[in-house]
């Protein structure tokens, strides 16, 4: 995805960028969150930024952190 924009994304929206063939958006979110939770430096960076598990959106700064650790979708 050459034109990936750094902006606010809902968890569902970003997860579907990473898992576009997922039949269920909830499954895509679960997969993305699993990746984030397994990447300790990313998880710690997000928590230091103020990320909360209950958040429905990722801020542009959080999206940048995710891209830096997981790569572009």
PDB file of N, CA and C in Angstrom:
ATOM      1  N   UNK A   1       0.853  -1.183   0.000  1.00  0.00           N
ATOM      2  CA  UNK A   1       0.000   0.000   0.000  1.00  0.00           C
ATOM      3  C   UNK A   1       0.890   1.234   0.000  1.00  0.00           C
ATOM      4  N   UNK A   2       1.167   1.767  -1.183  1.00  0.00           N
ATOM      5  CA  UNK A   2       2.089   2.884  -1.315  1.00  0.00           C
ATOM      6  C   UNK A   2       1.525   4.190  -0.787  1.00  0.00           C
ATOM      7  N   UNK A   3       0.228   4.322  -0.758  1.00  0.00           N
ATOM      8  CA  UNK A   3      -0.400   5.577  -0.375  1.00  0.00           C
ATOM      9  C   UNK A   3      -0.967   5.547   1.037  1.00  0.00           C
ATOM     10  N   UNK A   4      -0.364   4.762   1.925  1.00  0.00           N
ATOM     11  CA  UNK A   4      -0.891   4.654   3.282  1.00  0.00           C
ATOM     12  C   UNK A   4      -0.709   5.990   3.991  1.00  0.00           C
ATOM     13  N   UNK A   5      -1.804   6.535   4.495  1.00  0.00           N
ATOM     14  CA  UNK A   5      -1.791   7.849   5.146  1.00  0.00           C
ATOM     15  C   UNK A   5      -1.693   7.687   6.659  1.00  0.00           C
ATOM     16  N   UNK A   6      -0.837   8.507   7.258  1.00  0.00           N
ATOM     17  CA  UNK A   6      -0.749   8.546   8.713  1.00  0.00           C
ATOM     18  C   UNK A   6      -1.814   9.526   9.176  1.00  0.00           C
ATOM     19  N   UNK A   7      -2.841   8.995   9.822  1.00  0.00           N
ATOM     20  CA  UNK A   7      -3.967   9.790  10.315  1.00  0.00           C
ATOM     21  C   UNK A   7      -4.641   8.971  11.399  1.00  0.00           C
ATOM     22  N   UNK A   8      -5.685   9.476  11.994  1.00  0.00           N
ATOM     23  CA  UNK A   8      -6.455   8.698  12.965  1.00  0.00           C
ATOM     24  C   UNK A   8      -7.187   7.571  12.241  1.00  0.00           C
ATOM     25  N   UNK A   9      -7.179   6.394  12.855  1.00  0.00           N
ATOM     26  CA  UNK A   9      -7.893   5.233  12.334  1.00  0.00           C
ATOM     27  C   UNK A   9      -8.664   4.586  13.473  1.00  0.00           C
ATOM     28  N   UNK A  10      -9.846   4.080  13.176  1.00  0.00           N
ATOM     29  CA  UNK A  10     -10.497   3.225  14.169  1.00  0.00           C
ATOM     30  C   UNK A  10      -9.706   1.928  14.208  1.00  0.00           C
ATOM     31  N   UNK A  11      -9.837   1.195  15.288  1.00  0.00           N
ATOM     32  CA  UNK A  11      -9.150  -0.094  15.371  1.00  0.00           C
ATOM     33  C   UNK A  11      -9.582  -0.995  14.223  1.00  0.00           C
ATOM     34  N   UNK A  12     -10.867  -0.995  13.921  1.00  0.00           N
ATOM     35  CA  UNK A  12     -11.394  -1.835  12.840  1.00  0.00           C
ATOM     36  C   UNK A  12     -10.798  -1.432  11.502  1.00  0.00           C
ATOM     37  N   UNK A  13     -10.762  -0.135  11.247  1.00  0.00           N
ATOM     38  CA  UNK A  13     -10.257   0.367   9.977  1.00  0.00           C
ATOM     39  C   UNK A  13      -8.776  -0.003   9.775  1.00  0.00           C
ATOM     40  N   UNK A  14      -7.963   0.201  10.809  1.00  0.00           N
ATOM     41  CA  UNK A  14      -6.538  -0.127  10.703  1.00  0.00           C
ATOM     42  C   UNK A  14      -6.339  -1.635  10.607  1.00  0.00           C
ATOM     43  N   UNK A  15      -7.100  -2.385  11.389  1.00  0.00           N
ATOM     44  CA  UNK A  15      -6.979  -3.844  11.347  1.00  0.00           C
ATOM     45  C   UNK A  15      -7.307  -4.380   9.958  1.00  0.00           C
ATOM     46  N   UNK A  16      -8.304  -3.809   9.309  1.00  0.00           N
ATOM     47  CA  UNK A  16      -8.665  -4.263   7.968  1.00  0.00           C
ATOM     48  C   UNK A  16      -7.619  -3.860   6.928  1.00  0.00           C
ATOM     49  N   UNK A  17      -6.823  -2.840   7.214  1.00  0.00           N
ATOM     50  CA  UNK A  17      -5.696  -2.519   6.341  1.00  0.00           C
ATOM     51  C   UNK A  17      -4.638  -3.622   6.420  1.00  0.00           C
ATOM     52  N   UNK A  18      -4.410  -4.145   7.629  1.00  0.00           N
ATOM     53  CA  UNK A  18      -3.432  -5.209   7.824  1.00  0.00           C
ATOM     54  C   UNK A  18      -3.975  -6.572   7.391  1.00  0.00           C
ATOM     55  N   UNK A  19      -5.262  -6.782   7.558  1.00  0.00           N
ATOM     56  CA  UNK A  19      -5.884  -8.077   7.259  1.00  0.00           C
ATOM     57  C   UNK A  19      -7.082  -7.870   6.322  1.00  0.00           C
ATOM     58  N   UNK A  20      -6.829  -7.460   5.092  1.00  0.00           N
ATOM     59  CA  UNK A  20      -7.930  -7.120   4.178  1.00  0.00           C
ATOM     60  C   UNK A  20      -8.798  -8.309   3.770  1.00  0.00           C
ATOM     61  N   UNK A  21      -8.295  -9.507   3.893  1.00  0.00           N
ATOM     62  CA  UNK A  21      -9.084 -10.674   3.486  1.00  0.00           C
ATOM     63  C   UNK A  21      -9.867 -11.274   4.646  1.00  0.00           C
ATOM     64  N   UNK A  22      -9.776 -10.658   5.802  1.00  0.00           N
ATOM     65  CA  UNK A  22     -10.510 -11.165   6.959  1.00  0.00           C
ATOM     66  C   UNK A  22     -12.009 -11.074   6.697  1.00  0.00           C
ATOM     67  N   UNK A  23     -12.711 -12.170   6.916  1.00  0.00           N
ATOM     68  CA  UNK A  23     -14.160 -12.191   6.684  1.00  0.00           C
ATOM     69  C   UNK A  23     -14.930 -11.455   7.773  1.00  0.00           C
ATOM     70  N   UNK A  24     -14.323 -11.322   8.923  1.00  0.00           N
ATOM     71  CA  UNK A  24     -14.996 -10.704  10.058  1.00  0.00           C
ATOM     72  C   UNK A  24     -14.118  -9.575  10.598  1.00  0.00           C
ATOM     73  N   UNK A  25     -14.582  -8.333  10.602  1.00  0.00           N
ATOM     74  CA  UNK A  25     -13.762  -7.227  11.119  1.00  0.00           C
ATOM     75  C   UNK A  25     -13.311  -7.445  12.564  1.00  0.00           C
ATOM     76  N   UNK A  26     -14.140  -8.089  13.362  1.00  0.00           N
ATOM     77  CA  UNK A  26     -13.769  -8.352  14.754  1.00  0.00           C
ATOM     78  C   UNK A  26     -12.535  -9.261  14.817  1.00  0.00           C
ATOM     79  N   UNK A  27     -12.472 -10.234  13.934  1.00  0.00           N
ATOM     80  CA  UNK A  27     -11.301 -11.119  13.873  1.00  0.00           C
ATOM     81  C   UNK A  27     -10.053 -10.342  13.472  1.00  0.00           C
ATOM     82  N   UNK A  28     -10.211  -9.415  12.527  1.00  0.00           N
ATOM     83  CA  UNK A  28      -9.079  -8.594  12.102  1.00  0.00           C
ATOM     84  C   UNK A  28      -8.558  -7.763  13.273  1.00  0.00           C
ATOM     85  N   UNK A  29      -9.457  -7.178  14.051  1.00  0.00           N
ATOM     86  CA  UNK A  29      -9.055  -6.395  15.223  1.00  0.00           C
ATOM     87  C   UNK A  29      -8.335  -7.296  16.224  1.00  0.00           C
ATOM     88  N   UNK A  30      -8.870  -8.486  16.462  1.00  0.00           N
ATOM     89  CA  UNK A  30      -8.216  -9.411  17.392  1.00  0.00           C
ATOM     90  C   UNK A  30      -6.807  -9.766  16.932  1.00  0.00           C
ATOM     91  N   UNK A  31      -6.632  -9.996  15.632  1.00  0.00           N
ATOM     92  CA  UNK A  31      -5.305 -10.314  15.107  1.00  0.00           C
ATOM     93  C   UNK A  31      -4.342  -9.142  15.285  1.00  0.00           C
ATOM     94  N   UNK A  32      -4.798  -7.941  14.942  1.00  0.00           N
ATOM     95  CA  UNK A  32      -3.933  -6.768  15.080  1.00  0.00           C
ATOM     96  C   UNK A  32      -3.544  -6.556  16.534  1.00  0.00           C
ATOM     97  N   UNK A  33      -4.517  -6.652  17.426  1.00  0.00           N
ATOM     98  CA  UNK A  33      -4.216  -6.429  18.842  1.00  0.00           C
ATOM     99  C   UNK A  33      -3.284  -7.522  19.379  1.00  0.00           C
ATOM    100  N   UNK A  34      -3.408  -8.723  18.859  1.00  0.00           N
ATOM    101  CA  UNK A  34      -2.499  -9.798  19.237  1.00  0.00           C
ATOM    102  C   UNK A  34      -1.073  -9.458  18.811  1.00  0.00           C
ATOM    103  N   UNK A  35      -0.919  -8.962  17.591  1.00  0.00           N
ATOM    104  CA  UNK A  35       0.412  -8.544  17.126  1.00  0.00           C
ATOM    105  C   UNK A  35       0.975  -7.447  18.014  1.00  0.00           C
ATOM    106  N   UNK A  36       0.145  -6.454  18.332  1.00  0.00           N
ATOM    107  CA  UNK A  36       0.594  -5.335  19.165  1.00  0.00           C
ATOM    108  C   UNK A  36       0.999  -5.834  20.549  1.00  0.00           C
ATOM    109  N   UNK A  37       0.199  -6.691  21.141  1.00  0.00           N
ATOM    110  CA  UNK A  37       0.500  -7.175  22.493  1.00  0.00           C
ATOM    111  C   UNK A  37       1.736  -8.056  22.538  1.00  0.00           C
ATOM    112  N   UNK A  38       2.050  -8.734  21.435  1.00  0.00           N
ATOM    113  CA  UNK A  38       3.248  -9.575  21.393  1.00  0.00           C
ATOM    114  C   UNK A  38       4.520  -8.777  21.145  1.00  0.00           C
ATOM    115  N   UNK A  39       4.383  -7.580  20.634  1.00  0.00           N
ATOM    116  CA  UNK A  39       5.546  -6.719  20.377  1.00  0.00           C
ATOM    117  C   UNK A  39       5.731  -5.808  21.587  1.00  0.00           C
ATOM    118  N   UNK A  40       6.504  -6.276  22.542  1.00  0.00           N
ATOM    119  CA  UNK A  40       6.655  -5.566  23.814  1.00  0.00           C
ATOM    120  C   UNK A  40       7.102  -4.117  23.642  1.00  0.00           C
ATOM    121  N   UNK A  41       8.101  -3.823  22.795  1.00  0.00           N
ATOM    122  CA  UNK A  41       8.483  -2.402  22.649  1.00  0.00           C
ATOM    123  C   UNK A  41       7.333  -1.535  22.128  1.00  0.00           C
ATOM    124  N   UNK A  42       6.543  -2.071  21.216  1.00  0.00           N
ATOM    125  CA  UNK A  42       5.399  -1.321  20.693  1.00  0.00           C
ATOM    126  C   UNK A  42       4.350  -1.124  21.774  1.00  0.00           C
ATOM    127  N   UNK A  43       4.013  -2.192  22.465  1.00  0.00           N
ATOM    128  CA  UNK A  43       3.003  -2.093  23.516  1.00  0.00           C
ATOM    129  C   UNK A  43       3.424  -1.075  24.568  1.00  0.00           C
ATOM    130  N   UNK A  44       4.688  -1.113  24.984  1.00  0.00           N
ATOM    131  CA  UNK A  44       5.182  -0.176  25.998  1.00  0.00           C
ATOM    132  C   UNK A  44       5.181   1.261  25.472  1.00  0.00           C
ATOM    133  N   UNK A  45       5.538   1.438  24.203  1.00  0.00           N
ATOM    134  CA  UNK A  45       5.529   2.791  23.619  1.00  0.00           C
ATOM    135  C   UNK A  45       4.108   3.346  23.560  1.00  0.00           C
ATOM    136  N   UNK A  46       3.152   2.502  23.177  1.00  0.00           N
ATOM    137  CA  UNK A  46       1.759   2.942  23.131  1.00  0.00           C
ATOM    138  C   UNK A  46       1.249   3.295  24.529  1.00  0.00           C
ATOM    139  N   UNK A  47       1.571   2.460  25.504  1.00  0.00           N
ATOM    140  CA  UNK A  47       1.138   2.734  26.880  1.00  0.00           C
ATOM    141  C   UNK A  47       1.759   4.020  27.404  1.00  0.00           C
ATOM    142  N   UNK A  48       3.026   4.265  27.090  1.00  0.00           N
ATOM    143  CA  UNK A  48       3.694   5.500  27.524  1.00  0.00           C
ATOM    144  C   UNK A  48       3.053   6.726  26.880  1.00  0.00           C
ATOM    145  N   UNK A  49       2.503   6.538  25.684  1.00  0.00           N
ATOM    146  CA  UNK A  49       1.823   7.612  24.958  1.00  0.00           C
ATOM    147  C   UNK A  49       0.446   7.903  25.553  1.00  0.00           C
ATOM    148  N   UNK A  50      -0.066   6.986  26.371  1.00  0.00           N
ATOM    149  CA  UNK A  50      -1.381   7.185  26.967  1.00  0.00           C
ATOM    150  C   UNK A  50      -2.460   6.302  26.368  1.00  0.00           C
ATOM    151  N   UNK A  51      -2.053   5.353  25.506  1.00  0.00           N
ATOM    152  CA  UNK A  51      -3.020   4.437  24.900  1.00  0.00           C
ATOM    153  C   UNK A  51      -3.753   3.642  25.974  1.00  0.00           C
ATOM    154  N   UNK A  52      -5.063   3.495  25.776  1.00  0.00           N
ATOM    155  CA  UNK A  52      -5.887   2.673  26.667  1.00  0.00           C
ATOM    156  C   UNK A  52      -6.498   1.541  25.866  1.00  0.00           C
ATOM    157  N   UNK A  53      -6.549   0.380  26.456  1.00  0.00           N
ATOM    158  CA  UNK A  53      -7.087  -0.805  25.794  1.00  0.00           C
ATOM    159  C   UNK A  53      -8.513  -0.577  25.297  1.00  0.00           C
ATOM    160  N   UNK A  54      -9.279   0.220  26.006  1.00  0.00           N
ATOM    161  CA  UNK A  54     -10.681   0.457  25.663  1.00  0.00           C
ATOM    162  C   UNK A  54     -10.870   1.498  24.552  1.00  0.00           C
ATOM    163  N   UNK A  55      -9.775   2.118  24.107  1.00  0.00           N
ATOM    164  CA  UNK A  55      -9.865   3.142  23.058  1.00  0.00           C
ATOM    165  C   UNK A  55     -10.393   2.530  21.762  1.00  0.00           C
ATOM    166  N   UNK A  56     -11.200   3.268  21.050  1.00  0.00           N
ATOM    167  CA  UNK A  56     -11.758   2.808  19.770  1.00  0.00           C
ATOM    168  C   UNK A  56     -10.954   3.315  18.578  1.00  0.00           C
ATOM    169  N   UNK A  57     -10.103   4.301  18.815  1.00  0.00           N
ATOM    170  CA  UNK A  57      -9.318   4.939  17.760  1.00  0.00           C
ATOM    171  C   UNK A  57      -7.836   4.875  18.087  1.00  0.00           C
ATOM    172  N   UNK A  58      -7.017   4.891  17.030  1.00  0.00           N
ATOM    173  CA  UNK A  58      -5.586   5.116  17.173  1.00  0.00           C
ATOM    174  C   UNK A  58      -5.315   6.524  16.656  1.00  0.00           C
ATOM    175  N   UNK A  59      -4.580   7.307  17.423  1.00  0.00           N
ATOM    176  CA  UNK A  59      -4.202   8.653  16.984  1.00  0.00           C
ATOM    177  C   UNK A  59      -3.136   8.538  15.889  1.00  0.00           C
ATOM    178  N   UNK A  60      -2.907   9.621  15.153  1.00  0.00           N
ATOM    179  CA  UNK A  60      -1.838   9.573  14.142  1.00  0.00           C
ATOM    180  C   UNK A  60      -0.480   9.181  14.746  1.00  0.00           C
ATOM    181  N   UNK A  61      -0.190   9.653  15.921  1.00  0.00           N
ATOM    182  CA  UNK A  61       1.086   9.304  16.571  1.00  0.00           C
ATOM    183  C   UNK A  61       1.132   7.807  16.883  1.00  0.00           C
ATOM    184  N   UNK A  62       0.018   7.259  17.353  1.00  0.00           N
ATOM    185  CA  UNK A  62      -0.030   5.819  17.640  1.00  0.00           C
ATOM    186  C   UNK A  62       0.074   4.995  16.356  1.00  0.00           C
ATOM    187  N   UNK A  63      -0.561   5.471  15.288  1.00  0.00           N
ATOM    188  CA  UNK A  63      -0.465   4.788  13.990  1.00  0.00           C
ATOM    189  C   UNK A  63       0.990   4.772  13.536  1.00  0.00           C
ATOM    190  N   UNK A  64       1.692   5.891  13.684  1.00  0.00           N
ATOM    191  CA  UNK A  64       3.110   5.962  13.310  1.00  0.00           C
ATOM    192  C   UNK A  64       3.915   4.933  14.107  1.00  0.00           C
ATOM    193  N   UNK A  65       3.652   4.821  15.401  1.00  0.00           N
ATOM    194  CA  UNK A  65       4.363   3.833  16.229  1.00  0.00           C
ATOM    195  C   UNK A  65       4.102   2.409  15.736  1.00  0.00           C
ATOM    196  N   UNK A  66       2.852   2.141  15.415  1.00  0.00           N
ATOM    197  CA  UNK A  66       2.485   0.804  14.930  1.00  0.00           C
ATOM    198  C   UNK A  66       3.211   0.510  13.625  1.00  0.00           C
ATOM    199  N   UNK A  67       3.231   1.463  12.705  1.00  0.00           N
ATOM    200  CA  UNK A  67       3.917   1.300  11.418  1.00  0.00           C
ATOM    201  C   UNK A  67       5.414   1.090  11.626  1.00  0.00           C
ATOM    202  N   UNK A  68       5.982   1.855  12.548  1.00  0.00           N
ATOM    203  CA  UNK A  68       7.418   1.736  12.810  1.00  0.00           C
ATOM    204  C   UNK A  68       7.790   0.345  13.322  1.00  0.00           C
ATOM    205  N   UNK A  69       6.905  -0.269  14.085  1.00  0.00           N
ATOM    206  CA  UNK A  69       7.205  -1.582  14.681  1.00  0.00           C
ATOM    207  C   UNK A  69       6.712  -2.748  13.819  1.00  0.00           C
ATOM    208  N   UNK A  70       5.578  -2.602  13.171  1.00  0.00           N
ATOM    209  CA  UNK A  70       4.986  -3.712  12.426  1.00  0.00           C
ATOM    210  C   UNK A  70       5.137  -3.577  10.913  1.00  0.00           C
ATOM    211  N   UNK A  71       5.524  -2.410  10.449  1.00  0.00           N
ATOM    212  CA  UNK A  71       5.609  -2.165   9.014  1.00  0.00           C
ATOM    213  C   UNK A  71       4.272  -1.663   8.478  1.00  0.00           C
ATOM    214  N   UNK A  72       4.326  -1.173   7.254  1.00  0.00           N
ATOM    215  CA  UNK A  72       3.082  -0.692   6.627  1.00  0.00           C
ATOM    216  C   UNK A  72       2.195  -1.865   6.257  1.00  0.00           C
ATOM    217  N   UNK A  73       0.905  -1.648   6.350  1.00  0.00           N
ATOM    218  CA  UNK A  73      -0.003  -2.736   5.938  1.00  0.00           C
ATOM    219  C   UNK A  73       0.074  -2.979   4.440  1.00  0.00           C
TER     220      UNK A  73
END
